[in-house]
């Protein structure tokens, strides 16, 4: 029987090949109904296969401290230039608050101190980028599932939408409002964190301070940085271009399991 790491390798290789087709000529491909139909079918197949082989509660591999990468690339935006965000950086995020709303019974407004006081987890995991590189780091953060239990999801909530300070102004189409969505089942996975610490230090600005999503069983583009607000939603059809995320709207697949 194929081992866990080997399964992850082949799943990652297969999904990377699929994503590569979507990235090569992003705008042209996203305008092709035929290409999108093929990619959507492959995404559904990959998600089902991932669940079958790995299991919905299986943990991503965790490493010893000696495996932590000396150099962990900071991908994408490394310092959002909005005035509000830069004010938070200057104050050490003293006045920053995470808003949690949408389809919840009890909307929350949490400070960084509140998150640090919430049930937490520390893990050393590998970050796999769709561009083909990987790096290992230690992450500590509030368990997203525990935060959602506190907020109380309504029965119709199917997805969590993450809205970020990152605007990615230099984009192909001139729009840069960054967001990401994940399924509720992935939000409750024990390794899904709102990470505020990297390698035993406060999360650096280049890596998404004050918090970033860690979704260890999916590719790196799913792990939103600079998270400012989380909304529980029934559908993401009315967000962005309706594909479930900033990069998904530009050709990437919504489910990026590895």
C-alpha atoms as a PDB file:
ATOM      1  CA  UNK A   1       0.000   0.000   0.000  1.00  0.00           C
ATOM      2  CA  UNK A   2       1.304   3.498  -0.832  1.00  0.00           C
ATOM      3  CA  UNK A   3       2.630   5.364   2.216  1.00  0.00           C
ATOM      4  CA  UNK A   4       1.181   8.679   3.437  1.00  0.00           C
ATOM      5  CA  UNK A   5       4.060  10.866   2.155  1.00  0.00           C
ATOM      6  CA  UNK A   6       4.018   9.070  -1.218  1.00  0.00           C
ATOM      7  CA  UNK A   7       0.266   9.621  -1.545  1.00  0.00           C
ATOM      8  CA  UNK A   8       0.775  13.301  -0.794  1.00  0.00           C
ATOM      9  CA  UNK A   9       3.538  13.472  -3.433  1.00  0.00           C
ATOM     10  CA  UNK A  10       1.415  12.002  -6.189  1.00  0.00           C
ATOM     11  CA  UNK A  11      -1.642  14.035  -5.245  1.00  0.00           C
ATOM     12  CA  UNK A  12       0.467  17.214  -5.200  1.00  0.00           C
ATOM     13  CA  UNK A  13       2.089  16.345  -8.510  1.00  0.00           C
ATOM     14  CA  UNK A  14      -1.262  15.692 -10.141  1.00  0.00           C
ATOM     15  CA  UNK A  15      -2.841  18.895  -8.854  1.00  0.00           C
ATOM     16  CA  UNK A  16       0.217  20.949  -9.769  1.00  0.00           C
ATOM     17  CA  UNK A  17      -0.076  19.694 -13.346  1.00  0.00           C
ATOM     18  CA  UNK A  18      -3.733  20.716 -13.406  1.00  0.00           C
ATOM     19  CA  UNK A  19      -2.965  24.134 -11.926  1.00  0.00           C
ATOM     20  CA  UNK A  20      -0.104  24.628 -14.327  1.00  0.00           C
ATOM     21  CA  UNK A  21      -2.545  24.447 -17.213  1.00  0.00           C
ATOM     22  CA  UNK A  22      -4.666  27.127 -15.555  1.00  0.00           C
ATOM     23  CA  UNK A  23      -1.767  29.479 -14.854  1.00  0.00           C
ATOM     24  CA  UNK A  24       0.047  29.329 -18.202  1.00  0.00           C
ATOM     25  CA  UNK A  25      -2.306  31.761 -19.953  1.00  0.00           C
ATOM     26  CA  UNK A  26      -4.512  32.863 -17.106  1.00  0.00           C
ATOM     27  CA  UNK A  27      -6.974  35.303 -18.619  1.00  0.00           C
ATOM     28  CA  UNK A  28      -7.362  33.463 -21.932  1.00  0.00           C
ATOM     29  CA  UNK A  29      -7.978  30.155 -20.213  1.00  0.00           C
ATOM     30  CA  UNK A  30     -10.462  31.543 -17.722  1.00  0.00           C
ATOM     31  CA  UNK A  31     -12.518  32.822 -20.650  1.00  0.00           C
ATOM     32  CA  UNK A  32     -12.770  29.322 -22.153  1.00  0.00           C
ATOM     33  CA  UNK A  33     -15.860  27.365 -21.022  1.00  0.00           C
ATOM     34  CA  UNK A  34     -14.318  24.146 -22.355  1.00  0.00           C
ATOM     35  CA  UNK A  35     -11.112  24.546 -20.348  1.00  0.00           C
ATOM     36  CA  UNK A  36     -12.993  25.516 -17.196  1.00  0.00           C
ATOM     37  CA  UNK A  37     -15.260  22.487 -17.557  1.00  0.00           C
ATOM     38  CA  UNK A  38     -12.243  20.177 -17.763  1.00  0.00           C
ATOM     39  CA  UNK A  39     -10.528  21.858 -14.800  1.00  0.00           C
ATOM     40  CA  UNK A  40     -13.668  21.822 -12.677  1.00  0.00           C
ATOM     41  CA  UNK A  41     -14.102  18.133 -13.369  1.00  0.00           C
ATOM     42  CA  UNK A  42     -10.482  17.461 -12.422  1.00  0.00           C
ATOM     43  CA  UNK A  43     -10.948  19.490  -9.231  1.00  0.00           C
ATOM     44  CA  UNK A  44     -13.971  17.427  -8.195  1.00  0.00           C
ATOM     45  CA  UNK A  45     -12.068  14.216  -8.939  1.00  0.00           C
ATOM     46  CA  UNK A  46      -9.033  15.376  -6.961  1.00  0.00           C
ATOM     47  CA  UNK A  47     -11.125  16.377  -3.944  1.00  0.00           C
ATOM     48  CA  UNK A  48     -12.888  13.002  -3.865  1.00  0.00           C
ATOM     49  CA  UNK A  49      -9.638  11.099  -4.341  1.00  0.00           C
ATOM     50  CA  UNK A  50      -7.953  13.172  -1.647  1.00  0.00           C
ATOM     51  CA  UNK A  51     -10.738  12.360   0.812  1.00  0.00           C
ATOM     52  CA  UNK A  52     -10.672   8.687  -0.112  1.00  0.00           C
ATOM     53  CA  UNK A  53      -6.910   8.204   0.190  1.00  0.00           C
ATOM     54  CA  UNK A  54      -6.069  10.593   3.006  1.00  0.00           C
ATOM     55  CA  UNK A  55      -9.284  10.960   5.015  1.00  0.00           C
ATOM     56  CA  UNK A  56     -10.967  14.145   6.150  1.00  0.00           C
ATOM     57  CA  UNK A  57      -9.283  14.202   9.578  1.00  0.00           C
ATOM     58  CA  UNK A  58      -5.839  12.888   8.668  1.00  0.00           C
ATOM     59  CA  UNK A  59      -2.989  15.159   9.715  1.00  0.00           C
ATOM     60  CA  UNK A  60      -0.410  16.663   7.420  1.00  0.00           C
ATOM     61  CA  UNK A  61       3.090  15.473   8.225  1.00  0.00           C
ATOM     62  CA  UNK A  62       4.806  17.311  11.076  1.00  0.00           C
ATOM     63  CA  UNK A  63       8.577  17.640  11.366  1.00  0.00           C
ATOM     64  CA  UNK A  64      11.319  17.958  13.953  1.00  0.00           C
ATOM     65  CA  UNK A  65      12.718  21.421  14.699  1.00  0.00           C
ATOM     66  CA  UNK A  66      15.948  20.461  12.924  1.00  0.00           C
ATOM     67  CA  UNK A  67      14.020  20.395   9.617  1.00  0.00           C
ATOM     68  CA  UNK A  68      12.983  24.079   9.760  1.00  0.00           C
ATOM     69  CA  UNK A  69      14.132  25.866   6.596  1.00  0.00           C
ATOM     70  CA  UNK A  70      16.855  28.457   6.893  1.00  0.00           C
ATOM     71  CA  UNK A  71      15.163  30.510   4.182  1.00  0.00           C
ATOM     72  CA  UNK A  72      11.363  30.602   3.887  1.00  0.00           C
ATOM     73  CA  UNK A  73      10.318  32.715   0.919  1.00  0.00           C
ATOM     74  CA  UNK A  74       7.750  35.455   1.491  1.00  0.00           C
ATOM     75  CA  UNK A  75       5.523  35.107  -1.552  1.00  0.00           C
ATOM     76  CA  UNK A  76       3.144  37.668  -3.062  1.00  0.00           C
ATOM     77  CA  UNK A  77       2.641  40.938  -1.203  1.00  0.00           C
ATOM     78  CA  UNK A  78       5.162  41.462   1.591  1.00  0.00           C
ATOM     79  CA  UNK A  79       3.752  44.677   3.106  1.00  0.00           C
ATOM     80  CA  UNK A  80       0.278  45.981   2.221  1.00  0.00           C
ATOM     81  CA  UNK A  81       0.532  49.715   1.581  1.00  0.00           C
ATOM     82  CA  UNK A  82      -2.914  50.817   2.765  1.00  0.00           C
ATOM     83  CA  UNK A  83      -2.870  53.569   5.371  1.00  0.00           C
ATOM     84  CA  UNK A  84      -4.969  51.530   7.805  1.00  0.00           C
ATOM     85  CA  UNK A  85      -2.662  48.544   7.650  1.00  0.00           C
ATOM     86  CA  UNK A  86       0.487  50.611   8.016  1.00  0.00           C
ATOM     87  CA  UNK A  87      -1.022  52.305  11.084  1.00  0.00           C
ATOM     88  CA  UNK A  88      -1.562  48.859  12.606  1.00  0.00           C
ATOM     89  CA  UNK A  89       2.057  47.934  11.861  1.00  0.00           C
ATOM     90  CA  UNK A  90       3.284  51.146  13.488  1.00  0.00           C
ATOM     91  CA  UNK A  91       1.274  50.441  16.662  1.00  0.00           C
ATOM     92  CA  UNK A  92       2.295  46.792  16.864  1.00  0.00           C
ATOM     93  CA  UNK A  93      -1.315  45.839  16.032  1.00  0.00           C
ATOM     94  CA  UNK A  94      -2.440  47.158  19.411  1.00  0.00           C
ATOM     95  CA  UNK A  95      -5.786  48.349  18.025  1.00  0.00           C
ATOM     96  CA  UNK A  96      -6.217  45.654  15.373  1.00  0.00           C
ATOM     97  CA  UNK A  97      -9.270  43.416  15.663  1.00  0.00           C
ATOM     98  CA  UNK A  98     -10.436  40.390  13.725  1.00  0.00           C
ATOM     99  CA  UNK A  99     -14.122  40.585  12.798  1.00  0.00           C
ATOM    100  CA  UNK A 100     -16.045  37.307  12.513  1.00  0.00           C
ATOM    101  CA  UNK A 101     -19.579  37.509  11.163  1.00  0.00           C
ATOM    102  CA  UNK A 102     -21.930  36.343   8.458  1.00  0.00           C
ATOM    103  CA  UNK A 103     -23.885  33.174   9.224  1.00  0.00           C
ATOM    104  CA  UNK A 104     -22.970  32.990  12.915  1.00  0.00           C
ATOM    105  CA  UNK A 105     -25.063  33.176  16.055  1.00  0.00           C
ATOM    106  CA  UNK A 106     -22.615  35.385  17.938  1.00  0.00           C
ATOM    107  CA  UNK A 107     -20.482  37.789  15.842  1.00  0.00           C
ATOM    108  CA  UNK A 108     -17.026  38.302  17.308  1.00  0.00           C
ATOM    109  CA  UNK A 109     -14.512  41.131  17.391  1.00  0.00           C
ATOM    110  CA  UNK A 110     -11.198  39.719  18.626  1.00  0.00           C
ATOM    111  CA  UNK A 111      -7.944  41.484  19.457  1.00  0.00           C
ATOM    112  CA  UNK A 112      -4.589  39.823  18.918  1.00  0.00           C
ATOM    113  CA  UNK A 113      -4.464  39.206  22.675  1.00  0.00           C
ATOM    114  CA  UNK A 114      -7.871  37.510  22.476  1.00  0.00           C
ATOM    115  CA  UNK A 115      -6.591  35.167  19.792  1.00  0.00           C
ATOM    116  CA  UNK A 116      -3.474  34.358  21.781  1.00  0.00           C
ATOM    117  CA  UNK A 117      -5.681  33.447  24.750  1.00  0.00           C
ATOM    118  CA  UNK A 118      -7.827  31.089  22.641  1.00  0.00           C
ATOM    119  CA  UNK A 119      -7.199  27.326  22.330  1.00  0.00           C
ATOM    120  CA  UNK A 120      -4.010  27.027  20.304  1.00  0.00           C
ATOM    121  CA  UNK A 121      -1.761  24.580  18.511  1.00  0.00           C
ATOM    122  CA  UNK A 122       1.906  24.607  17.520  1.00  0.00           C
ATOM    123  CA  UNK A 123       3.071  22.581  14.519  1.00  0.00           C
ATOM    124  CA  UNK A 124       6.089  22.262  12.236  1.00  0.00           C
ATOM    125  CA  UNK A 125       4.843  21.675   8.712  1.00  0.00           C
ATOM    126  CA  UNK A 126       5.848  22.003   5.086  1.00  0.00           C
ATOM    127  CA  UNK A 127       4.445  24.791   2.936  1.00  0.00           C
ATOM    128  CA  UNK A 128       4.031  23.667  -0.689  1.00  0.00           C
ATOM    129  CA  UNK A 129       3.732  26.443  -3.267  1.00  0.00           C
ATOM    130  CA  UNK A 130       2.043  25.955  -6.633  1.00  0.00           C
ATOM    131  CA  UNK A 131       5.166  27.533  -8.155  1.00  0.00           C
ATOM    132  CA  UNK A 132       7.081  24.376  -7.254  1.00  0.00           C
ATOM    133  CA  UNK A 133       9.017  25.298  -4.098  1.00  0.00           C
ATOM    134  CA  UNK A 134       8.551  24.112  -0.521  1.00  0.00           C
ATOM    135  CA  UNK A 135       9.737  25.257   2.917  1.00  0.00           C
ATOM    136  CA  UNK A 136       9.287  24.092   6.489  1.00  0.00           C
ATOM    137  CA  UNK A 137       8.434  26.335   9.439  1.00  0.00           C
ATOM    138  CA  UNK A 138       6.975  26.246  12.915  1.00  0.00           C
ATOM    139  CA  UNK A 139       3.559  27.860  13.251  1.00  0.00           C
ATOM    140  CA  UNK A 140       1.526  28.630  16.330  1.00  0.00           C
ATOM    141  CA  UNK A 141      -1.968  30.019  16.314  1.00  0.00           C
ATOM    142  CA  UNK A 142      -5.548  29.858  17.475  1.00  0.00           C
ATOM    143  CA  UNK A 143      -7.417  26.771  16.299  1.00  0.00           C
ATOM    144  CA  UNK A 144      -9.994  28.064  13.843  1.00  0.00           C
ATOM    145  CA  UNK A 145     -12.492  25.370  14.784  1.00  0.00           C
ATOM    146  CA  UNK A 146     -12.515  26.482  18.412  1.00  0.00           C
ATOM    147  CA  UNK A 147     -13.078  30.110  17.377  1.00  0.00           C
ATOM    148  CA  UNK A 148     -15.989  29.074  15.157  1.00  0.00           C
ATOM    149  CA  UNK A 149     -17.532  27.048  17.966  1.00  0.00           C
ATOM    150  CA  UNK A 150     -17.433  30.188  20.064  1.00  0.00           C
ATOM    151  CA  UNK A 151     -19.156  32.175  17.293  1.00  0.00           C
ATOM    152  CA  UNK A 152     -21.697  29.420  16.624  1.00  0.00           C
ATOM    153  CA  UNK A 153     -22.114  28.630  12.927  1.00  0.00           C
ATOM    154  CA  UNK A 154     -25.652  28.643  11.600  1.00  0.00           C
ATOM    155  CA  UNK A 155     -26.794  25.420   9.867  1.00  0.00           C
ATOM    156  CA  UNK A 156     -26.685  26.945   6.366  1.00  0.00           C
ATOM    157  CA  UNK A 157     -23.013  28.009   6.656  1.00  0.00           C
ATOM    158  CA  UNK A 158     -20.965  25.977   4.171  1.00  0.00           C
ATOM    159  CA  UNK A 159     -17.857  28.105   3.625  1.00  0.00           C
ATOM    160  CA  UNK A 160     -15.579  30.538   5.446  1.00  0.00           C
ATOM    161  CA  UNK A 161     -14.537  33.633   3.508  1.00  0.00           C
ATOM    162  CA  UNK A 162     -11.323  35.436   4.514  1.00  0.00           C
ATOM    163  CA  UNK A 163     -10.974  39.114   3.621  1.00  0.00           C
ATOM    164  CA  UNK A 164      -7.490  40.576   3.779  1.00  0.00           C
ATOM    165  CA  UNK A 165      -5.564  43.838   3.989  1.00  0.00           C
ATOM    166  CA  UNK A 166      -3.608  42.671   0.942  1.00  0.00           C
ATOM    167  CA  UNK A 167      -4.752  44.577  -2.159  1.00  0.00           C
ATOM    168  CA  UNK A 168      -2.239  43.235  -4.726  1.00  0.00           C
ATOM    169  CA  UNK A 169      -2.400  46.449  -6.729  1.00  0.00           C
ATOM    170  CA  UNK A 170      -0.116  45.208  -9.512  1.00  0.00           C
ATOM    171  CA  UNK A 171      -2.419  42.639 -11.084  1.00  0.00           C
ATOM    172  CA  UNK A 172      -3.308  41.572 -14.595  1.00  0.00           C
ATOM    173  CA  UNK A 173      -6.730  43.180 -14.517  1.00  0.00           C
ATOM    174  CA  UNK A 174      -6.169  46.124 -12.169  1.00  0.00           C
ATOM    175  CA  UNK A 175      -8.283  44.766  -9.299  1.00  0.00           C
ATOM    176  CA  UNK A 176      -6.627  43.594  -6.137  1.00  0.00           C
ATOM    177  CA  UNK A 177      -9.174  42.932  -3.410  1.00  0.00           C
ATOM    178  CA  UNK A 178      -7.745  39.765  -1.902  1.00  0.00           C
ATOM    179  CA  UNK A 179     -10.007  37.099  -0.453  1.00  0.00           C
ATOM    180  CA  UNK A 180     -10.045  33.326  -0.027  1.00  0.00           C
ATOM    181  CA  UNK A 181     -12.643  30.710   0.920  1.00  0.00           C
ATOM    182  CA  UNK A 182     -12.456  27.251   2.435  1.00  0.00           C
ATOM    183  CA  UNK A 183     -15.044  24.621   3.281  1.00  0.00           C
ATOM    184  CA  UNK A 184     -16.416  24.413   6.813  1.00  0.00           C
ATOM    185  CA  UNK A 185     -15.075  20.869   7.163  1.00  0.00           C
ATOM    186  CA  UNK A 186     -11.523  22.119   6.494  1.00  0.00           C
ATOM    187  CA  UNK A 187     -11.985  24.974   8.967  1.00  0.00           C
ATOM    188  CA  UNK A 188     -12.533  22.420  11.739  1.00  0.00           C
ATOM    189  CA  UNK A 189      -9.483  20.315  10.870  1.00  0.00           C
ATOM    190  CA  UNK A 190      -7.186  20.255  13.948  1.00  0.00           C
ATOM    191  CA  UNK A 191      -4.235  21.720  12.011  1.00  0.00           C
ATOM    192  CA  UNK A 192      -6.192  24.682  10.609  1.00  0.00           C
ATOM    193  CA  UNK A 193      -4.906  27.737  12.436  1.00  0.00           C
ATOM    194  CA  UNK A 194      -5.101  31.495  12.565  1.00  0.00           C
ATOM    195  CA  UNK A 195      -1.334  31.699  12.960  1.00  0.00           C
ATOM    196  CA  UNK A 196       0.204  34.589  14.889  1.00  0.00           C
ATOM    197  CA  UNK A 197       3.656  33.069  15.389  1.00  0.00           C
ATOM    198  CA  UNK A 198       6.327  31.751  13.011  1.00  0.00           C
ATOM    199  CA  UNK A 199       9.452  29.984  14.221  1.00  0.00           C
ATOM    200  CA  UNK A 200       8.748  31.048  17.820  1.00  0.00           C
ATOM    201  CA  UNK A 201       8.572  34.743  16.896  1.00  0.00           C
ATOM    202  CA  UNK A 202       5.614  37.040  16.186  1.00  0.00           C
ATOM    203  CA  UNK A 203       4.443  36.480  12.623  1.00  0.00           C
ATOM    204  CA  UNK A 204       6.512  38.808  10.386  1.00  0.00           C
ATOM    205  CA  UNK A 205       4.779  41.378   8.206  1.00  0.00           C
ATOM    206  CA  UNK A 206       6.193  39.722   5.087  1.00  0.00           C
ATOM    207  CA  UNK A 207       4.448  36.480   6.055  1.00  0.00           C
ATOM    208  CA  UNK A 208       1.061  38.012   6.850  1.00  0.00           C
ATOM    209  CA  UNK A 209       1.085  39.737  10.261  1.00  0.00           C
ATOM    210  CA  UNK A 210      -0.773  39.880  12.489  1.00  0.00           C
ATOM    211  CA  UNK A 211      -2.408  36.573  11.458  1.00  0.00           C
ATOM    212  CA  UNK A 212      -2.515  34.284   8.466  1.00  0.00           C
ATOM    213  CA  UNK A 213      -4.495  31.170   7.710  1.00  0.00           C
ATOM    214  CA  UNK A 214      -2.653  27.859   7.928  1.00  0.00           C
ATOM    215  CA  UNK A 215      -4.456  25.120   6.004  1.00  0.00           C
ATOM    216  CA  UNK A 216      -1.802  22.448   6.059  1.00  0.00           C
ATOM    217  CA  UNK A 217      -3.373  19.914   3.696  1.00  0.00           C
ATOM    218  CA  UNK A 218      -3.704  22.344   0.783  1.00  0.00           C
ATOM    219  CA  UNK A 219      -1.340  24.317  -1.419  1.00  0.00           C
ATOM    220  CA  UNK A 220       0.077  27.616  -0.200  1.00  0.00           C
ATOM    221  CA  UNK A 221      -2.135  29.970  -2.207  1.00  0.00           C
ATOM    222  CA  UNK A 222      -5.089  28.909  -0.034  1.00  0.00           C
ATOM    223  CA  UNK A 223      -3.384  30.233   3.113  1.00  0.00           C
ATOM    224  CA  UNK A 224      -4.514  33.858   3.136  1.00  0.00           C
ATOM    225  CA  UNK A 225      -2.208  36.445   4.720  1.00  0.00           C
ATOM    226  CA  UNK A 226      -3.140  39.721   6.475  1.00  0.00           C
ATOM    227  CA  UNK A 227      -6.577  38.393   7.498  1.00  0.00           C
ATOM    228  CA  UNK A 228      -8.871  41.190   8.703  1.00  0.00           C
ATOM    229  CA  UNK A 229     -12.344  39.676   8.563  1.00  0.00           C
ATOM    230  CA  UNK A 230     -13.938  36.224   8.360  1.00  0.00           C
ATOM    231  CA  UNK A 231     -17.483  35.668   7.113  1.00  0.00           C
ATOM    232  CA  UNK A 232     -19.433  32.417   7.271  1.00  0.00           C
ATOM    233  CA  UNK A 233     -21.367  32.097   4.003  1.00  0.00           C
ATOM    234  CA  UNK A 234     -23.676  29.641   2.266  1.00  0.00           C
ATOM    235  CA  UNK A 235     -22.135  30.300  -1.162  1.00  0.00           C
ATOM    236  CA  UNK A 236     -19.233  32.255  -2.618  1.00  0.00           C
ATOM    237  CA  UNK A 237     -20.971  32.845  -5.962  1.00  0.00           C
ATOM    238  CA  UNK A 238     -21.366  36.567  -5.225  1.00  0.00           C
ATOM    239  CA  UNK A 239     -17.804  37.146  -3.997  1.00  0.00           C
ATOM    240  CA  UNK A 240     -15.297  38.455  -6.513  1.00  0.00           C
ATOM    241  CA  UNK A 241     -15.851  36.620  -9.776  1.00  0.00           C
ATOM    242  CA  UNK A 242     -17.599  33.781  -7.991  1.00  0.00           C
ATOM    243  CA  UNK A 243     -14.812  31.184  -8.068  1.00  0.00           C
ATOM    244  CA  UNK A 244     -13.974  31.265  -4.367  1.00  0.00           C
ATOM    245  CA  UNK A 245     -10.753  33.249  -4.126  1.00  0.00           C
ATOM    246  CA  UNK A 246      -8.499  35.902  -5.637  1.00  0.00           C
ATOM    247  CA  UNK A 247      -6.344  33.397  -7.539  1.00  0.00           C
ATOM    248  CA  UNK A 248      -9.250  31.075  -8.218  1.00  0.00           C
ATOM    249  CA  UNK A 249     -10.971  33.978  -9.995  1.00  0.00           C
ATOM    250  CA  UNK A 250      -7.887  34.097 -12.231  1.00  0.00           C
ATOM    251  CA  UNK A 251      -7.682  30.426 -13.188  1.00  0.00           C
ATOM    252  CA  UNK A 252      -6.525  28.452 -10.135  1.00  0.00           C
ATOM    253  CA  UNK A 253      -8.736  25.659  -8.835  1.00  0.00           C
ATOM    254  CA  UNK A 254     -10.708  26.182  -5.630  1.00  0.00           C
ATOM    255  CA  UNK A 255      -9.720  22.868  -4.021  1.00  0.00           C
ATOM    256  CA  UNK A 256      -5.944  22.499  -3.704  1.00  0.00           C
ATOM    257  CA  UNK A 257      -5.567  19.402  -1.547  1.00  0.00           C
ATOM    258  CA  UNK A 258      -2.182  17.675  -1.195  1.00  0.00           C
END
